[in-house]
């Protein structure tokens, strides 16, 4: 008598870190830039969203954007009662994923612990988006026109 072995078929359908972009439904809107945010931590996403909220011509979207911000922590260190962090933001034109620019920086907060990590990353992310990334987004909007 033969025993049947189960066959398992695994299919990658979007989850597990796969990031897909839908068709840009906003391509005809020349007054605004639609921006997606991909971040490895909630604090980075929150910081980027706060920075984008300060840019009047930007509309944050989940999919179908003109631009994607890939936000990542490049450094987290605790030393002498303070937390230092580094953030790197890749600005990509969608759907091609052409690199438009990189913004990075370092900051610190006078505290330690998980809350300090999040505070440092969120504040730095917001500052980078409001400052260095804003210029890259302005150039992309001008090119879109």
N, C-alpha and C. Protein backbone atom coordinates (compact mmCIF):
# COMPACT_ATOMS: atom_id res chain seq x y z
N UNK A 1 0.83 -1.16 0.00
CA UNK A 1 0.00 0.00 0.00
C UNK A 1 0.88 1.24 0.00
N UNK A 2 0.57 2.19 -0.87
CA UNK A 2 1.36 3.43 -0.97
C UNK A 2 0.68 4.51 -0.16
N UNK A 3 1.51 5.33 0.44
CA UNK A 3 0.99 6.46 1.21
C UNK A 3 1.18 7.73 0.38
N UNK A 4 0.16 8.51 0.34
CA UNK A 4 0.23 9.77 -0.41
C UNK A 4 0.92 10.83 0.44
N UNK A 5 1.85 11.52 -0.15
CA UNK A 5 2.52 12.62 0.54
C UNK A 5 1.84 13.92 0.16
N UNK A 6 1.59 14.75 1.12
CA UNK A 6 0.95 16.02 0.77
C UNK A 6 1.92 16.91 -0.01
N UNK A 7 1.38 17.60 -0.95
CA UNK A 7 2.17 18.53 -1.75
C UNK A 7 1.74 19.93 -1.36
N UNK A 8 2.69 20.71 -1.01
CA UNK A 8 2.41 22.07 -0.60
C UNK A 8 2.89 23.02 -1.69
N UNK A 9 2.01 23.87 -2.13
CA UNK A 9 2.35 24.86 -3.15
C UNK A 9 2.28 26.23 -2.49
N UNK A 10 3.38 26.94 -2.54
CA UNK A 10 3.43 28.27 -1.97
C UNK A 10 3.42 29.28 -3.09
N UNK A 11 2.61 30.28 -2.95
CA UNK A 11 2.55 31.34 -3.96
C UNK A 11 2.76 32.67 -3.28
N UNK A 12 3.58 33.49 -3.89
CA UNK A 12 3.81 34.84 -3.39
C UNK A 12 2.75 35.74 -3.98
N UNK A 13 1.88 36.23 -3.12
CA UNK A 13 0.78 37.08 -3.59
C UNK A 13 0.75 38.39 -2.83
N UNK A 14 1.77 39.15 -2.99
CA UNK A 14 1.74 40.50 -2.42
C UNK A 14 2.33 40.61 -1.03
N UNK A 15 2.12 39.69 -0.12
CA UNK A 15 2.59 39.85 1.24
C UNK A 15 4.08 39.60 1.36
N UNK A 16 4.52 39.43 2.58
CA UNK A 16 5.90 39.06 2.83
C UNK A 16 6.92 40.05 2.33
N UNK A 17 6.63 41.35 2.43
CA UNK A 17 7.61 42.34 2.05
C UNK A 17 7.55 42.76 0.59
N UNK A 18 6.72 42.09 -0.20
CA UNK A 18 6.59 42.49 -1.60
C UNK A 18 5.84 43.79 -1.65
N UNK A 19 6.35 44.73 -2.39
CA UNK A 19 5.73 46.05 -2.48
C UNK A 19 5.33 46.28 -3.92
N UNK A 20 4.03 46.47 -4.15
CA UNK A 20 3.53 46.65 -5.51
C UNK A 20 2.91 48.02 -5.65
N UNK A 21 2.98 48.54 -6.84
CA UNK A 21 2.39 49.83 -7.13
C UNK A 21 1.32 49.67 -8.18
N UNK A 22 0.16 50.24 -7.90
CA UNK A 22 -0.91 50.22 -8.87
C UNK A 22 -0.68 51.29 -9.92
N UNK A 23 -1.51 51.32 -10.93
CA UNK A 23 -1.36 52.35 -11.96
C UNK A 23 -1.59 53.74 -11.37
N UNK A 24 -0.82 54.70 -11.82
CA UNK A 24 -0.96 56.06 -11.32
C UNK A 24 -2.24 56.67 -11.86
N UNK A 25 -3.21 56.83 -10.98
CA UNK A 25 -4.47 57.41 -11.40
C UNK A 25 -4.45 58.94 -11.25
N UNK A 26 -3.34 59.47 -10.79
CA UNK A 26 -3.22 60.90 -10.52
C UNK A 26 -2.31 61.60 -11.52
N UNK A 27 -1.93 60.93 -12.57
CA UNK A 27 -0.93 61.47 -13.50
C UNK A 27 -1.37 62.78 -14.16
N UNK A 28 -2.67 63.00 -14.29
CA UNK A 28 -3.16 64.21 -14.95
C UNK A 28 -3.25 65.42 -14.02
N UNK A 29 -3.07 65.23 -12.73
CA UNK A 29 -3.15 66.34 -11.77
C UNK A 29 -1.78 67.00 -11.69
N UNK A 30 -1.63 68.12 -12.37
CA UNK A 30 -0.33 68.79 -12.46
C UNK A 30 -0.06 69.74 -11.28
N UNK A 31 -1.04 69.93 -10.42
CA UNK A 31 -0.87 70.84 -9.28
C UNK A 31 -0.39 70.13 -8.02
N UNK A 32 -0.48 68.81 -8.01
CA UNK A 32 -0.13 68.04 -6.81
C UNK A 32 0.79 66.88 -7.15
N UNK A 33 1.51 66.47 -6.14
CA UNK A 33 2.37 65.30 -6.25
C UNK A 33 1.84 64.27 -5.25
N UNK A 34 1.57 63.07 -5.74
CA UNK A 34 1.02 62.00 -4.92
C UNK A 34 2.17 61.12 -4.46
N UNK A 35 2.29 60.97 -3.13
CA UNK A 35 3.48 60.36 -2.54
C UNK A 35 3.12 59.17 -1.67
N UNK A 36 3.79 58.04 -1.92
CA UNK A 36 3.69 56.84 -1.11
C UNK A 36 4.86 56.81 -0.13
N UNK A 37 4.64 56.21 1.03
CA UNK A 37 5.72 56.06 2.02
C UNK A 37 5.87 54.58 2.36
N UNK A 38 7.08 54.08 2.22
CA UNK A 38 7.42 52.72 2.64
C UNK A 38 8.45 52.86 3.76
N UNK A 39 8.12 52.35 4.93
CA UNK A 39 9.02 52.48 6.08
C UNK A 39 9.08 51.18 6.85
N UNK A 40 10.25 50.90 7.40
CA UNK A 40 10.45 49.66 8.14
C UNK A 40 9.96 49.74 9.58
N UNK A 41 9.68 50.93 10.08
CA UNK A 41 9.23 51.13 11.46
C UNK A 41 8.09 52.15 11.49
N UNK A 42 7.20 51.98 12.43
CA UNK A 42 6.06 52.89 12.58
C UNK A 42 6.52 54.33 12.82
N UNK A 43 7.56 54.50 13.62
CA UNK A 43 8.05 55.85 13.92
C UNK A 43 8.55 56.55 12.66
N UNK A 44 9.16 55.80 11.76
CA UNK A 44 9.64 56.38 10.51
C UNK A 44 8.47 56.79 9.62
N UNK A 45 7.43 55.96 9.57
CA UNK A 45 6.24 56.27 8.78
C UNK A 45 5.54 57.51 9.35
N UNK A 46 5.41 57.57 10.66
CA UNK A 46 4.77 58.71 11.31
C UNK A 46 5.55 59.99 11.06
N UNK A 47 6.86 59.92 11.18
CA UNK A 47 7.70 61.10 10.94
C UNK A 47 7.59 61.59 9.51
N UNK A 48 7.64 60.66 8.56
CA UNK A 48 7.52 61.03 7.14
C UNK A 48 6.15 61.65 6.87
N UNK A 49 5.10 61.06 7.44
CA UNK A 49 3.74 61.59 7.24
C UNK A 49 3.62 63.00 7.82
N UNK A 50 4.22 63.23 8.97
CA UNK A 50 4.19 64.56 9.58
C UNK A 50 4.93 65.57 8.73
N UNK A 51 6.06 65.16 8.16
CA UNK A 51 6.81 66.05 7.28
C UNK A 51 6.03 66.35 6.00
N UNK A 52 5.39 65.33 5.42
CA UNK A 52 4.61 65.53 4.20
C UNK A 52 3.42 66.45 4.44
N UNK A 53 2.85 66.41 5.65
CA UNK A 53 1.70 67.26 5.97
C UNK A 53 2.07 68.74 5.91
N UNK A 54 3.35 69.06 6.00
CA UNK A 54 3.81 70.45 5.93
C UNK A 54 4.08 70.92 4.51
N UNK A 55 3.86 70.06 3.52
CA UNK A 55 4.14 70.40 2.13
C UNK A 55 2.80 70.48 1.40
N UNK A 56 2.36 71.68 1.07
CA UNK A 56 1.03 71.91 0.56
C UNK A 56 0.68 71.22 -0.74
N UNK A 57 1.64 70.96 -1.60
CA UNK A 57 1.34 70.36 -2.90
C UNK A 57 1.39 68.83 -2.88
N UNK A 58 1.64 68.23 -1.72
CA UNK A 58 1.77 66.78 -1.60
C UNK A 58 0.48 66.17 -1.08
N UNK A 59 0.09 65.04 -1.69
CA UNK A 59 -1.04 64.25 -1.23
C UNK A 59 -0.51 62.85 -0.92
N UNK A 60 -0.52 62.43 0.36
CA UNK A 60 -0.08 61.07 0.69
C UNK A 60 -1.10 60.05 0.18
N UNK A 61 -0.62 58.96 -0.43
CA UNK A 61 -1.47 57.88 -0.92
C UNK A 61 -0.86 56.54 -0.57
N UNK A 62 -1.68 55.51 -0.53
CA UNK A 62 -1.21 54.15 -0.27
C UNK A 62 -0.67 53.49 -1.54
N UNK A 63 -1.25 53.83 -2.69
CA UNK A 63 -0.84 53.22 -3.96
C UNK A 63 -1.12 54.20 -5.10
N UNK A 64 -0.47 53.98 -6.23
CA UNK A 64 -0.72 54.80 -7.41
C UNK A 64 -0.05 56.16 -7.35
N UNK A 65 0.99 56.31 -6.55
CA UNK A 65 1.67 57.58 -6.38
C UNK A 65 2.60 57.93 -7.53
N UNK A 66 3.00 59.20 -7.55
CA UNK A 66 4.01 59.68 -8.49
C UNK A 66 5.41 59.39 -7.97
N UNK A 67 5.53 59.36 -6.64
CA UNK A 67 6.83 59.24 -5.97
C UNK A 67 6.66 58.33 -4.76
N UNK A 68 7.71 57.59 -4.45
CA UNK A 68 7.74 56.79 -3.23
C UNK A 68 8.93 57.23 -2.37
N UNK A 69 8.67 57.38 -1.09
CA UNK A 69 9.75 57.62 -0.13
C UNK A 69 10.03 56.31 0.59
N UNK A 70 11.24 55.80 0.47
CA UNK A 70 11.65 54.62 1.22
C UNK A 70 12.47 55.11 2.39
N UNK A 71 11.91 54.96 3.59
CA UNK A 71 12.49 55.53 4.80
C UNK A 71 13.04 54.40 5.66
N UNK A 72 14.31 54.54 6.05
CA UNK A 72 14.91 53.50 6.88
C UNK A 72 15.83 54.10 7.93
N UNK A 73 15.95 53.37 9.04
CA UNK A 73 16.88 53.76 10.10
C UNK A 73 18.26 53.26 9.70
N UNK A 74 19.20 54.16 9.59
CA UNK A 74 20.56 53.76 9.24
C UNK A 74 21.43 53.56 10.48
N UNK A 75 20.96 54.09 11.62
CA UNK A 75 21.76 53.98 12.85
C UNK A 75 20.89 54.22 14.06
N UNK A 76 21.08 53.44 15.12
CA UNK A 76 20.47 53.65 16.44
C UNK A 76 21.49 53.28 17.49
N UNK A 77 21.85 54.24 18.34
CA UNK A 77 22.86 53.98 19.37
C UNK A 77 22.45 54.67 20.66
N UNK A 78 22.75 54.02 21.77
CA UNK A 78 22.52 54.60 23.09
C UNK A 78 23.88 54.76 23.76
N UNK A 79 24.13 55.97 24.26
CA UNK A 79 25.41 56.22 24.92
C UNK A 79 25.26 57.42 25.86
N UNK A 80 25.71 57.24 27.08
CA UNK A 80 25.74 58.35 28.03
C UNK A 80 24.40 59.01 28.28
N UNK A 81 23.33 58.24 28.37
CA UNK A 81 22.02 58.80 28.68
C UNK A 81 21.31 59.46 27.51
N UNK A 82 21.81 59.25 26.31
CA UNK A 82 21.11 59.80 25.14
C UNK A 82 21.07 58.77 24.02
N UNK A 83 20.10 58.96 23.14
CA UNK A 83 19.90 58.06 22.00
C UNK A 83 20.21 58.83 20.73
N UNK A 84 21.08 58.27 19.91
CA UNK A 84 21.42 58.86 18.62
C UNK A 84 20.81 58.00 17.53
N UNK A 85 20.39 58.66 16.45
CA UNK A 85 19.81 57.90 15.35
C UNK A 85 20.23 58.51 14.02
N UNK A 86 20.13 57.70 13.00
CA UNK A 86 20.37 58.13 11.63
C UNK A 86 19.21 57.64 10.78
N UNK A 87 18.80 58.47 9.83
CA UNK A 87 17.71 58.11 8.93
C UNK A 87 18.16 58.38 7.50
N UNK A 88 17.79 57.46 6.61
CA UNK A 88 18.07 57.62 5.19
C UNK A 88 16.75 57.51 4.45
N UNK A 89 16.51 58.45 3.52
CA UNK A 89 15.28 58.44 2.72
C UNK A 89 15.65 58.41 1.25
N UNK A 90 15.22 57.37 0.56
CA UNK A 90 15.37 57.29 -0.89
C UNK A 90 14.10 57.84 -1.51
N UNK A 91 14.25 58.73 -2.47
CA UNK A 91 13.11 59.32 -3.17
C UNK A 91 13.11 58.71 -4.57
N UNK A 92 12.04 57.95 -4.88
CA UNK A 92 11.97 57.19 -6.12
C UNK A 92 10.80 57.65 -6.99
N UNK A 93 11.04 57.81 -8.28
CA UNK A 93 9.96 58.12 -9.23
C UNK A 93 9.25 56.82 -9.55
N UNK A 94 7.93 56.87 -9.50
CA UNK A 94 7.13 55.69 -9.78
C UNK A 94 6.48 55.80 -11.15
N UNK A 95 6.19 54.71 -11.81
CA UNK A 95 6.36 53.33 -11.36
C UNK A 95 7.73 52.75 -11.69
N UNK A 96 8.62 53.52 -12.28
CA UNK A 96 9.91 53.01 -12.73
C UNK A 96 10.89 52.73 -11.60
N UNK A 97 10.69 53.34 -10.45
CA UNK A 97 11.62 53.24 -9.32
C UNK A 97 12.96 53.88 -9.63
N UNK A 98 12.95 54.92 -10.45
CA UNK A 98 14.17 55.69 -10.72
C UNK A 98 14.52 56.49 -9.47
N UNK A 99 15.78 56.46 -9.09
CA UNK A 99 16.23 57.21 -7.93
C UNK A 99 16.31 58.70 -8.26
N UNK A 100 15.53 59.50 -7.56
CA UNK A 100 15.55 60.95 -7.76
C UNK A 100 16.53 61.63 -6.80
N UNK A 101 16.75 61.01 -5.67
CA UNK A 101 17.68 61.59 -4.71
C UNK A 101 17.64 60.85 -3.38
N UNK A 102 18.58 61.21 -2.53
CA UNK A 102 18.69 60.62 -1.19
C UNK A 102 18.83 61.75 -0.19
N UNK A 103 18.09 61.63 0.90
CA UNK A 103 18.23 62.56 2.01
C UNK A 103 18.62 61.73 3.23
N UNK A 104 19.62 62.18 3.95
CA UNK A 104 19.98 61.47 5.17
C UNK A 104 20.45 62.46 6.22
N UNK A 105 20.39 62.01 7.45
CA UNK A 105 20.80 62.88 8.55
C UNK A 105 20.93 62.09 9.83
N UNK A 106 21.41 62.78 10.85
CA UNK A 106 21.61 62.20 12.17
C UNK A 106 21.04 63.14 13.21
N UNK A 107 20.59 62.57 14.32
CA UNK A 107 20.02 63.38 15.40
C UNK A 107 20.22 62.63 16.72
N UNK A 108 19.86 63.28 17.82
CA UNK A 108 19.88 62.62 19.12
C UNK A 108 18.82 63.22 20.02
N UNK A 109 18.39 62.42 20.99
CA UNK A 109 17.47 62.88 22.03
C UNK A 109 18.12 62.57 23.37
N UNK A 110 17.81 63.38 24.36
CA UNK A 110 18.41 63.23 25.69
C UNK A 110 17.61 62.25 26.53
N UNK A 111 17.47 61.03 26.04
CA UNK A 111 16.76 59.97 26.75
C UNK A 111 17.21 58.63 26.18
N UNK A 112 16.81 57.55 26.86
CA UNK A 112 17.12 56.21 26.37
C UNK A 112 15.86 55.35 26.44
N UNK A 113 15.91 54.19 25.84
CA UNK A 113 14.77 53.28 25.84
C UNK A 113 14.03 53.30 24.52
N UNK A 114 13.04 52.40 24.40
CA UNK A 114 12.32 52.26 23.14
C UNK A 114 11.59 53.54 22.75
N UNK A 115 11.02 54.23 23.70
CA UNK A 115 10.34 55.50 23.39
C UNK A 115 11.31 56.53 22.84
N UNK A 116 12.53 56.52 23.34
CA UNK A 116 13.54 57.45 22.85
C UNK A 116 13.94 57.12 21.42
N UNK A 117 14.04 55.83 21.12
CA UNK A 117 14.34 55.40 19.75
C UNK A 117 13.29 55.96 18.79
N UNK A 118 12.03 55.74 19.14
CA UNK A 118 10.93 56.18 18.28
C UNK A 118 10.92 57.70 18.15
N UNK A 119 11.12 58.40 19.26
CA UNK A 119 11.14 59.88 19.21
C UNK A 119 12.23 60.39 18.29
N UNK A 120 13.41 59.84 18.41
CA UNK A 120 14.54 60.27 17.59
C UNK A 120 14.25 60.04 16.11
N UNK A 121 13.80 58.83 15.78
CA UNK A 121 13.53 58.49 14.38
C UNK A 121 12.39 59.33 13.81
N UNK A 122 11.33 59.51 14.59
CA UNK A 122 10.18 60.28 14.11
C UNK A 122 10.54 61.74 13.88
N UNK A 123 11.23 62.35 14.83
CA UNK A 123 11.61 63.76 14.68
C UNK A 123 12.56 63.96 13.51
N UNK A 124 13.54 63.09 13.39
CA UNK A 124 14.50 63.23 12.30
C UNK A 124 13.84 62.98 10.95
N UNK A 125 12.99 61.98 10.86
CA UNK A 125 12.27 61.71 9.62
C UNK A 125 11.43 62.89 9.18
N UNK A 126 10.72 63.49 10.12
CA UNK A 126 9.89 64.66 9.82
C UNK A 126 10.73 65.83 9.35
N UNK A 127 11.84 66.06 10.01
CA UNK A 127 12.73 67.16 9.65
C UNK A 127 13.32 66.96 8.25
N UNK A 128 13.75 65.74 7.95
CA UNK A 128 14.32 65.47 6.63
C UNK A 128 13.29 65.66 5.52
N UNK A 129 12.07 65.17 5.73
CA UNK A 129 11.04 65.31 4.71
C UNK A 129 10.68 66.78 4.52
N UNK A 130 10.49 67.51 5.61
CA UNK A 130 10.13 68.94 5.52
C UNK A 130 11.24 69.77 4.89
N UNK A 131 12.48 69.32 5.02
CA UNK A 131 13.61 70.07 4.51
C UNK A 131 14.18 69.53 3.22
N UNK A 132 15.09 68.59 3.31
CA UNK A 132 15.82 68.08 2.14
C UNK A 132 14.90 67.42 1.11
N UNK A 133 13.93 66.63 1.56
CA UNK A 133 13.06 65.91 0.63
C UNK A 133 12.12 66.88 -0.08
N UNK A 134 11.70 67.95 0.58
CA UNK A 134 10.81 68.94 -0.03
C UNK A 134 11.39 69.43 -1.36
N UNK A 135 12.66 69.75 -1.39
CA UNK A 135 13.29 70.23 -2.62
C UNK A 135 13.25 69.20 -3.74
N UNK A 136 13.47 67.93 -3.40
CA UNK A 136 13.40 66.87 -4.40
C UNK A 136 11.97 66.72 -4.93
N UNK A 137 11.00 66.85 -4.04
CA UNK A 137 9.60 66.75 -4.45
C UNK A 137 9.19 67.95 -5.32
N UNK A 138 9.70 69.13 -5.00
CA UNK A 138 9.41 70.31 -5.83
C UNK A 138 9.94 70.12 -7.24
N UNK A 139 11.14 69.59 -7.35
CA UNK A 139 11.71 69.33 -8.68
C UNK A 139 10.90 68.30 -9.45
N UNK A 140 10.42 67.27 -8.77
CA UNK A 140 9.62 66.24 -9.43
C UNK A 140 8.28 66.82 -9.89
N UNK A 141 7.68 67.68 -9.07
CA UNK A 141 6.43 68.31 -9.47
C UNK A 141 6.64 69.18 -10.70
N UNK A 142 7.73 69.93 -10.75
CA UNK A 142 8.03 70.78 -11.91
C UNK A 142 8.23 69.92 -13.15
N UNK A 143 8.88 68.76 -13.03
CA UNK A 143 9.08 67.87 -14.16
C UNK A 143 7.77 67.25 -14.63
N UNK A 144 6.86 67.03 -13.69
CA UNK A 144 5.55 66.45 -14.01
C UNK A 144 4.74 67.41 -14.88
N UNK A 145 4.94 68.70 -14.64
CA UNK A 145 4.19 69.72 -15.37
C UNK A 145 4.70 69.81 -16.77
